[in-house]
Amino acid sequence: MSMLRTWALLVLLVVAAATDAAVPEIPRFRVLGPADGLPATTVPALARDHDGFLWAATWDGLGALRRRRLPRLAA
């Protein structure tokens, strides 16, 4: 019985080592502000549209984020 348990453990270890377990990526946050094109530093609302734009509503206007650039839209 001990030999069977040893083989089962060995097989389990080999299978576990062979599987490429995906480690989740740590989220990276970046603070955006007026230097990035955001109209203001306070953002009370965010929304994403079907085209992939992230819209940031600020008290000074509306910004649309696409690929790390925020074009400013007049308020």
PDB file of N, CA and C in Angstrom:
ATOM      1  N   MET A   1       0.827  -1.203   0.000  1.00  0.00           N
ATOM      2  CA  MET A   1       0.000   0.000   0.000  1.00  0.00           C
ATOM      3  C   MET A   1       0.864   1.257   0.000  1.00  0.00           C
ATOM      4  N   SER A   2       1.967   1.197   0.722  1.00  0.00           N
ATOM      5  CA  SER A   2       2.853   2.353   0.798  1.00  0.00           C
ATOM      6  C   SER A   2       3.477   2.656  -0.561  1.00  0.00           C
ATOM      7  N   MET A   3       3.818   1.620  -1.308  1.00  0.00           N
ATOM      8  CA  MET A   3       4.411   1.802  -2.637  1.00  0.00           C
ATOM      9  C   MET A   3       3.390   2.428  -3.600  1.00  0.00           C
ATOM     10  N   LEU A   4       2.132   1.983  -3.510  1.00  0.00           N
ATOM     11  CA  LEU A   4       1.075   2.543  -4.343  1.00  0.00           C
ATOM     12  C   LEU A   4       0.850   4.019  -4.023  1.00  0.00           C
ATOM     13  N   ARG A   5       0.875   4.353  -2.756  1.00  0.00           N
ATOM     14  CA  ARG A   5       0.713   5.749  -2.339  1.00  0.00           C
ATOM     15  C   ARG A   5       1.882   6.600  -2.847  1.00  0.00           C
ATOM     16  N   THR A   6       3.088   6.065  -2.798  1.00  0.00           N
ATOM     17  CA  THR A   6       4.271   6.786  -3.280  1.00  0.00           C
ATOM     18  C   THR A   6       4.160   7.039  -4.777  1.00  0.00           C
ATOM     19  N   TRP A   7       3.743   6.022  -5.553  1.00  0.00           N
ATOM     20  CA  TRP A   7       3.588   6.197  -6.989  1.00  0.00           C
ATOM     21  C   TRP A   7       2.480   7.199  -7.318  1.00  0.00           C
ATOM     22  N   ALA A   8       1.393   7.139  -6.593  1.00  0.00           N
ATOM     23  CA  ALA A   8       0.298   8.080  -6.827  1.00  0.00           C
ATOM     24  C   ALA A   8       0.748   9.505  -6.553  1.00  0.00           C
ATOM     25  N   LEU A   9       1.514   9.698  -5.493  1.00  0.00           N
ATOM     26  CA  LEU A   9       2.030  11.021  -5.174  1.00  0.00           C
ATOM     27  C   LEU A   9       3.012  11.499  -6.230  1.00  0.00           C
ATOM     28  N   LEU A  10       3.859  10.591  -6.711  1.00  0.00           N
ATOM     29  CA  LEU A  10       4.817  10.939  -7.757  1.00  0.00           C
ATOM     30  C   LEU A  10       4.103  11.334  -9.046  1.00  0.00           C
ATOM     31  N   VAL A  11       3.081  10.580  -9.434  1.00  0.00           N
ATOM     32  CA  VAL A  11       2.316  10.898 -10.637  1.00  0.00           C
ATOM     33  C   VAL A  11       1.608  12.243 -10.470  1.00  0.00           C
ATOM     34  N   LEU A  12       1.046  12.466  -9.304  1.00  0.00           N
ATOM     35  CA  LEU A  12       0.379  13.739  -9.049  1.00  0.00           C
ATOM     36  C   LEU A  12       1.350  14.913  -9.149  1.00  0.00           C
ATOM     37  N   LEU A  13       2.536  14.762  -8.612  1.00  0.00           N
ATOM     38  CA  LEU A  13       3.536  15.823  -8.689  1.00  0.00           C
ATOM     39  C   LEU A  13       3.993  16.082 -10.114  1.00  0.00           C
ATOM     40  N   VAL A  14       4.161  15.015 -10.892  1.00  0.00           N
ATOM     41  CA  VAL A  14       4.569  15.172 -12.292  1.00  0.00           C
ATOM     42  C   VAL A  14       3.480  15.876 -13.087  1.00  0.00           C
ATOM     43  N   VAL A  15       2.243  15.490 -12.881  1.00  0.00           N
ATOM     44  CA  VAL A  15       1.130  16.127 -13.589  1.00  0.00           C
ATOM     45  C   VAL A  15       1.009  17.594 -13.179  1.00  0.00           C
ATOM     46  N   ALA A  16       1.148  17.865 -11.899  1.00  0.00           N
ATOM     47  CA  ALA A  16       1.052  19.249 -11.420  1.00  0.00           C
ATOM     48  C   ALA A  16       2.190  20.098 -11.966  1.00  0.00           C
ATOM     49  N   ALA A  17       3.374  19.530 -12.084  1.00  0.00           N
ATOM     50  CA  ALA A  17       4.512  20.284 -12.614  1.00  0.00           C
ATOM     51  C   ALA A  17       4.380  20.501 -14.112  1.00  0.00           C
ATOM     52  N   ALA A  18       3.743  19.552 -14.803  1.00  0.00           N
ATOM     53  CA  ALA A  18       3.619  19.645 -16.257  1.00  0.00           C
ATOM     54  C   ALA A  18       2.563  20.662 -16.681  1.00  0.00           C
ATOM     55  N   THR A  19       1.561  20.862 -15.862  1.00  0.00           N
ATOM     56  CA  THR A  19       0.522  21.827 -16.232  1.00  0.00           C
ATOM     57  C   THR A  19       1.056  23.232 -16.019  1.00  0.00           C
ATOM     58  N   ASP A  20       0.826  24.052 -16.996  1.00  0.00           N
ATOM     59  CA  ASP A  20       1.296  25.432 -16.924  1.00  0.00           C
ATOM     60  C   ASP A  20       0.206  26.265 -16.271  1.00  0.00           C
ATOM     61  N   ALA A  21       0.271  26.367 -14.964  1.00  0.00           N
ATOM     62  CA  ALA A  21      -0.735  27.129 -14.231  1.00  0.00           C
ATOM     63  C   ALA A  21      -0.554  28.613 -14.516  1.00  0.00           C
ATOM     64  N   ALA A  22      -1.604  29.238 -14.982  1.00  0.00           N
ATOM     65  CA  ALA A  22      -1.542  30.664 -15.290  1.00  0.00           C
ATOM     66  C   ALA A  22      -1.654  31.469 -14.004  1.00  0.00           C
ATOM     67  N   VAL A  23      -0.671  32.306 -13.792  1.00  0.00           N
ATOM     68  CA  VAL A  23      -0.683  33.185 -12.630  1.00  0.00           C
ATOM     69  C   VAL A  23      -1.324  34.494 -13.078  1.00  0.00           C
ATOM     70  N   PRO A  24      -2.365  34.942 -12.382  1.00  0.00           N
ATOM     71  CA  PRO A  24      -3.015  36.186 -12.804  1.00  0.00           C
ATOM     72  C   PRO A  24      -2.059  37.368 -12.706  1.00  0.00           C
ATOM     73  N   GLU A  25      -2.151  38.237 -13.681  1.00  0.00           N
ATOM     74  CA  GLU A  25      -1.301  39.422 -13.705  1.00  0.00           C
ATOM     75  C   GLU A  25      -1.774  40.412 -12.655  1.00  0.00           C
ATOM     76  N   ILE A  26      -0.831  41.032 -11.997  1.00  0.00           N
ATOM     77  CA  ILE A  26      -1.153  42.039 -10.989  1.00  0.00           C
ATOM     78  C   ILE A  26      -1.611  43.302 -11.719  1.00  0.00           C
ATOM     79  N   PRO A  27      -2.795  43.825 -11.373  1.00  0.00           N
ATOM     80  CA  PRO A  27      -3.262  45.044 -12.045  1.00  0.00           C
ATOM     81  C   PRO A  27      -2.299  46.204 -11.808  1.00  0.00           C
ATOM     82  N   ARG A  28      -2.103  46.973 -12.828  1.00  0.00           N
ATOM     83  CA  ARG A  28      -1.248  48.152 -12.719  1.00  0.00           C
ATOM     84  C   ARG A  28      -2.133  49.380 -12.892  1.00  0.00           C
ATOM     85  N   PHE A  29      -2.122  50.210 -11.886  1.00  0.00           N
ATOM     86  CA  PHE A  29      -2.934  51.406 -11.918  1.00  0.00           C
ATOM     87  C   PHE A  29      -2.065  52.601 -12.277  1.00  0.00           C
ATOM     88  N   ARG A  30      -2.639  53.518 -13.003  1.00  0.00           N
ATOM     89  CA  ARG A  30      -1.937  54.731 -13.394  1.00  0.00           C
ATOM     90  C   ARG A  30      -2.860  55.905 -13.111  1.00  0.00           C
ATOM     91  N   VAL A  31      -2.320  56.909 -12.465  1.00  0.00           N
ATOM     92  CA  VAL A  31      -3.090  58.107 -12.165  1.00  0.00           C
ATOM     93  C   VAL A  31      -3.015  59.032 -13.375  1.00  0.00           C
ATOM     94  N   LEU A  32      -4.177  59.396 -13.892  1.00  0.00           N
ATOM     95  CA  LEU A  32      -4.260  60.307 -15.028  1.00  0.00           C
ATOM     96  C   LEU A  32      -4.716  61.672 -14.548  1.00  0.00           C
ATOM     97  N   GLY A  33      -4.257  62.687 -15.235  1.00  0.00           N
ATOM     98  CA  GLY A  33      -4.628  64.047 -14.869  1.00  0.00           C
ATOM     99  C   GLY A  33      -4.599  64.960 -16.077  1.00  0.00           C
ATOM    100  N   PRO A  34      -4.571  66.263 -15.840  1.00  0.00           N
ATOM    101  CA  PRO A  34      -4.562  67.227 -16.941  1.00  0.00           C
ATOM    102  C   PRO A  34      -3.376  67.056 -17.900  1.00  0.00           C
ATOM    103  N   ALA A  35      -2.247  66.592 -17.425  1.00  0.00           N
ATOM    104  CA  ALA A  35      -1.094  66.382 -18.303  1.00  0.00           C
ATOM    105  C   ALA A  35      -1.359  65.278 -19.329  1.00  0.00           C
ATOM    106  N   ASP A  36      -2.301  64.392 -19.026  1.00  0.00           N
ATOM    107  CA  ASP A  36      -2.674  63.303 -19.932  1.00  0.00           C
ATOM    108  C   ASP A  36      -3.872  63.669 -20.803  1.00  0.00           C
ATOM    109  N   GLY A  37      -4.368  64.879 -20.678  1.00  0.00           N
ATOM    110  CA  GLY A  37      -5.504  65.323 -21.470  1.00  0.00           C
ATOM    111  C   GLY A  37      -6.827  65.296 -20.735  1.00  0.00           C
ATOM    112  N   LEU A  38      -6.827  64.890 -19.480  1.00  0.00           N
ATOM    113  CA  LEU A  38      -8.061  64.886 -18.689  1.00  0.00           C
ATOM    114  C   LEU A  38      -8.420  66.332 -18.342  1.00  0.00           C
ATOM    115  N   PRO A  39      -9.668  66.746 -18.552  1.00  0.00           N
ATOM    116  CA  PRO A  39     -10.037  68.135 -18.308  1.00  0.00           C
ATOM    117  C   PRO A  39      -9.853  68.605 -16.862  1.00  0.00           C
ATOM    118  N   ALA A  40      -9.959  67.713 -15.892  1.00  0.00           N
ATOM    119  CA  ALA A  40      -9.820  68.092 -14.479  1.00  0.00           C
ATOM    120  C   ALA A  40      -9.322  66.879 -13.703  1.00  0.00           C
ATOM    121  N   THR A  41      -8.963  67.097 -12.454  1.00  0.00           N
ATOM    122  CA  THR A  41      -8.457  66.000 -11.639  1.00  0.00           C
ATOM    123  C   THR A  41      -9.557  65.224 -10.921  1.00  0.00           C
ATOM    124  N   THR A  42     -10.744  65.786 -10.813  1.00  0.00           N
ATOM    125  CA  THR A  42     -11.854  65.107 -10.165  1.00  0.00           C
ATOM    126  C   THR A  42     -12.757  64.476 -11.221  1.00  0.00           C
ATOM    127  N   VAL A  43     -12.987  63.162 -11.095  1.00  0.00           N
ATOM    128  CA  VAL A  43     -13.821  62.434 -12.054  1.00  0.00           C
ATOM    129  C   VAL A  43     -14.976  61.783 -11.286  1.00  0.00           C
ATOM    130  N   PRO A  44     -16.167  62.417 -11.320  1.00  0.00           N
ATOM    131  CA  PRO A  44     -17.300  61.839 -10.601  1.00  0.00           C
ATOM    132  C   PRO A  44     -17.967  60.669 -11.324  1.00  0.00           C
ATOM    133  N   ALA A  45     -17.695  60.479 -12.634  1.00  0.00           N
ATOM    134  CA  ALA A  45     -18.354  59.388 -13.356  1.00  0.00           C
ATOM    135  C   ALA A  45     -17.463  58.867 -14.478  1.00  0.00           C
ATOM    136  N   LEU A  46     -17.526  57.544 -14.689  1.00  0.00           N
ATOM    137  CA  LEU A  46     -16.839  56.868 -15.788  1.00  0.00           C
ATOM    138  C   LEU A  46     -17.837  55.992 -16.523  1.00  0.00           C
ATOM    139  N   ALA A  47     -17.653  55.856 -17.830  1.00  0.00           N
ATOM    140  CA  ALA A  47     -18.492  54.958 -18.617  1.00  0.00           C
ATOM    141  C   ALA A  47     -17.678  54.443 -19.794  1.00  0.00           C
ATOM    142  N   ARG A  48     -17.950  53.209 -20.203  1.00  0.00           N
ATOM    143  CA  ARG A  48     -17.281  52.635 -21.370  1.00  0.00           C
ATOM    144  C   ARG A  48     -18.339  52.387 -22.442  1.00  0.00           C
ATOM    145  N   ASP A  49     -18.031  52.789 -23.677  1.00  0.00           N
ATOM    146  CA  ASP A  49     -18.990  52.581 -24.762  1.00  0.00           C
ATOM    147  C   ASP A  49     -18.642  51.324 -25.552  1.00  0.00           C
ATOM    148  N   HIS A  50     -19.469  51.011 -26.547  1.00  0.00           N
ATOM    149  CA  HIS A  50     -19.289  49.774 -27.319  1.00  0.00           C
ATOM    150  C   HIS A  50     -18.072  49.815 -28.236  1.00  0.00           C
ATOM    151  N   ASP A  51     -17.490  50.988 -28.487  1.00  0.00           N
ATOM    152  CA  ASP A  51     -16.285  51.115 -29.311  1.00  0.00           C
ATOM    153  C   ASP A  51     -15.004  50.985 -28.497  1.00  0.00           C
ATOM    154  N   GLY A  52     -15.134  50.845 -27.177  1.00  0.00           N
ATOM    155  CA  GLY A  52     -13.959  50.676 -26.337  1.00  0.00           C
ATOM    156  C   GLY A  52     -13.454  51.954 -25.700  1.00  0.00           C
ATOM    157  N   PHE A  53     -14.128  53.067 -25.918  1.00  0.00           N
ATOM    158  CA  PHE A  53     -13.718  54.322 -25.297  1.00  0.00           C
ATOM    159  C   PHE A  53     -14.126  54.326 -23.832  1.00  0.00           C
ATOM    160  N   LEU A  54     -13.274  54.851 -22.996  1.00  0.00           N
ATOM    161  CA  LEU A  54     -13.605  55.067 -21.591  1.00  0.00           C
ATOM    162  C   LEU A  54     -13.849  56.562 -21.440  1.00  0.00           C
ATOM    163  N   TRP A  55     -15.066  56.925 -21.109  1.00  0.00           N
ATOM    164  CA  TRP A  55     -15.448  58.321 -20.981  1.00  0.00           C
ATOM    165  C   TRP A  55     -15.322  58.740 -19.524  1.00  0.00           C
ATOM    166  N   ALA A  56     -14.654  59.862 -19.306  1.00  0.00           N
ATOM    167  CA  ALA A  56     -14.456  60.406 -17.963  1.00  0.00           C
ATOM    168  C   ALA A  56     -15.183  61.743 -17.885  1.00  0.00           C
ATOM    169  N   ALA A  57     -16.203  61.800 -17.038  1.00  0.00           N
ATOM    170  CA  ALA A  57     -16.950  63.043 -16.847  1.00  0.00           C
ATOM    171  C   ALA A  57     -16.300  63.811 -15.699  1.00  0.00           C
ATOM    172  N   THR A  58     -15.901  65.051 -15.968  1.00  0.00           N
ATOM    173  CA  THR A  58     -15.317  65.916 -14.937  1.00  0.00           C
ATOM    174  C   THR A  58     -16.156  67.181 -14.853  1.00  0.00           C
ATOM    175  N   TRP A  59     -15.851  68.003 -13.866  1.00  0.00           N
ATOM    176  CA  TRP A  59     -16.582  69.262 -13.722  1.00  0.00           C
ATOM    177  C   TRP A  59     -16.168  70.269 -14.785  1.00  0.00           C
ATOM    178  N   ASP A  60     -15.031  70.023 -15.457  1.00  0.00           N
ATOM    179  CA  ASP A  60     -14.551  70.959 -16.480  1.00  0.00           C
ATOM    180  C   ASP A  60     -14.719  70.447 -17.906  1.00  0.00           C
ATOM    181  N   GLY A  61     -15.347  69.304 -18.068  1.00  0.00           N
ATOM    182  CA  GLY A  61     -15.543  68.776 -19.409  1.00  0.00           C
ATOM    183  C   GLY A  61     -15.566  67.262 -19.424  1.00  0.00           C
ATOM    184  N   LEU A  62     -15.530  66.719 -20.626  1.00  0.00           N
ATOM    185  CA  LEU A  62     -15.633  65.290 -20.838  1.00  0.00           C
ATOM    186  C   LEU A  62     -14.381  64.818 -21.558  1.00  0.00           C
ATOM    187  N   GLY A  63     -13.799  63.718 -21.100  1.00  0.00           N
ATOM    188  CA  GLY A  63     -12.618  63.166 -21.748  1.00  0.00           C
ATOM    189  C   GLY A  63     -12.902  61.749 -22.199  1.00  0.00           C
ATOM    190  N   ALA A  64     -12.362  61.368 -23.360  1.00  0.00           N
ATOM    191  CA  ALA A  64     -12.529  60.008 -23.879  1.00  0.00           C
ATOM    192  C   ALA A  64     -11.160  59.353 -23.937  1.00  0.00           C
ATOM    193  N   LEU A  65     -10.997  58.274 -23.209  1.00  0.00           N
ATOM    194  CA  LEU A  65      -9.710  57.585 -23.143  1.00  0.00           C
ATOM    195  C   LEU A  65      -9.694  56.418 -24.120  1.00  0.00           C
ATOM    196  N   ARG A  66      -8.733  56.432 -24.997  1.00  0.00           N
ATOM    197  CA  ARG A  66      -8.514  55.320 -25.919  1.00  0.00           C
ATOM    198  C   ARG A  66      -7.016  55.199 -26.118  1.00  0.00           C
ATOM    199  N   ARG A  67      -6.457  54.113 -25.663  1.00  0.00           N
ATOM    200  CA  ARG A  67      -5.026  53.861 -25.786  1.00  0.00           C
ATOM    201  C   ARG A  67      -4.179  54.924 -25.101  1.00  0.00           C
ATOM    202  N   ARG A  68      -4.512  55.200 -23.856  1.00  0.00           N
ATOM    203  CA  ARG A  68      -3.745  56.066 -22.963  1.00  0.00           C
ATOM    204  C   ARG A  68      -3.713  57.537 -23.356  1.00  0.00           C
ATOM    205  N   ARG A  69      -4.637  57.989 -24.163  1.00  0.00           N
ATOM    206  CA  ARG A  69      -4.689  59.408 -24.519  1.00  0.00           C
ATOM    207  C   ARG A  69      -6.095  59.905 -24.315  1.00  0.00           C
ATOM    208  N   LEU A  70      -6.217  61.051 -23.662  1.00  0.00           N
ATOM    209  CA  LEU A  70      -7.536  61.606 -23.386  1.00  0.00           C
ATOM    210  C   LEU A  70      -7.754  62.885 -24.195  1.00  0.00           C
ATOM    211  N   PRO A  71      -8.455  62.809 -25.312  1.00  0.00           N
ATOM    212  CA  PRO A  71      -8.784  64.030 -26.025  1.00  0.00           C
ATOM    213  C   PRO A  71      -9.839  64.804 -25.249  1.00  0.00           C
ATOM    214  N   ARG A  72      -9.630  66.091 -25.057  1.00  0.00           N
ATOM    215  CA  ARG A  72     -10.578  66.902 -24.277  1.00  0.00           C
ATOM    216  C   ARG A  72     -11.702  67.379 -25.170  1.00  0.00           C
ATOM    217  N   LEU A  73     -12.900  67.240 -24.666  1.00  0.00           N
ATOM    218  CA  LEU A  73     -14.080  67.746 -25.355  1.00  0.00           C
ATOM    219  C   LEU A  73     -14.612  68.926 -24.541  1.00  0.00           C
ATOM    220  N   ALA A  74     -14.997  69.998 -25.229  1.00  0.00           N
ATOM    221  CA  ALA A  74     -15.450  71.208 -24.544  1.00  0.00           C
ATOM    222  C   ALA A  74     -16.717  70.942 -23.753  1.00  0.00           C
ATOM    223  N   ALA A  75     -16.811  71.625 -22.620  1.00  0.00           N
ATOM    224  CA  ALA A  75     -17.988  71.467 -21.758  1.00  0.00           C
ATOM    225  C   ALA A  75     -19.109  72.331 -22.230  1.00  0.00           C
TER     226      ALA A  75
END
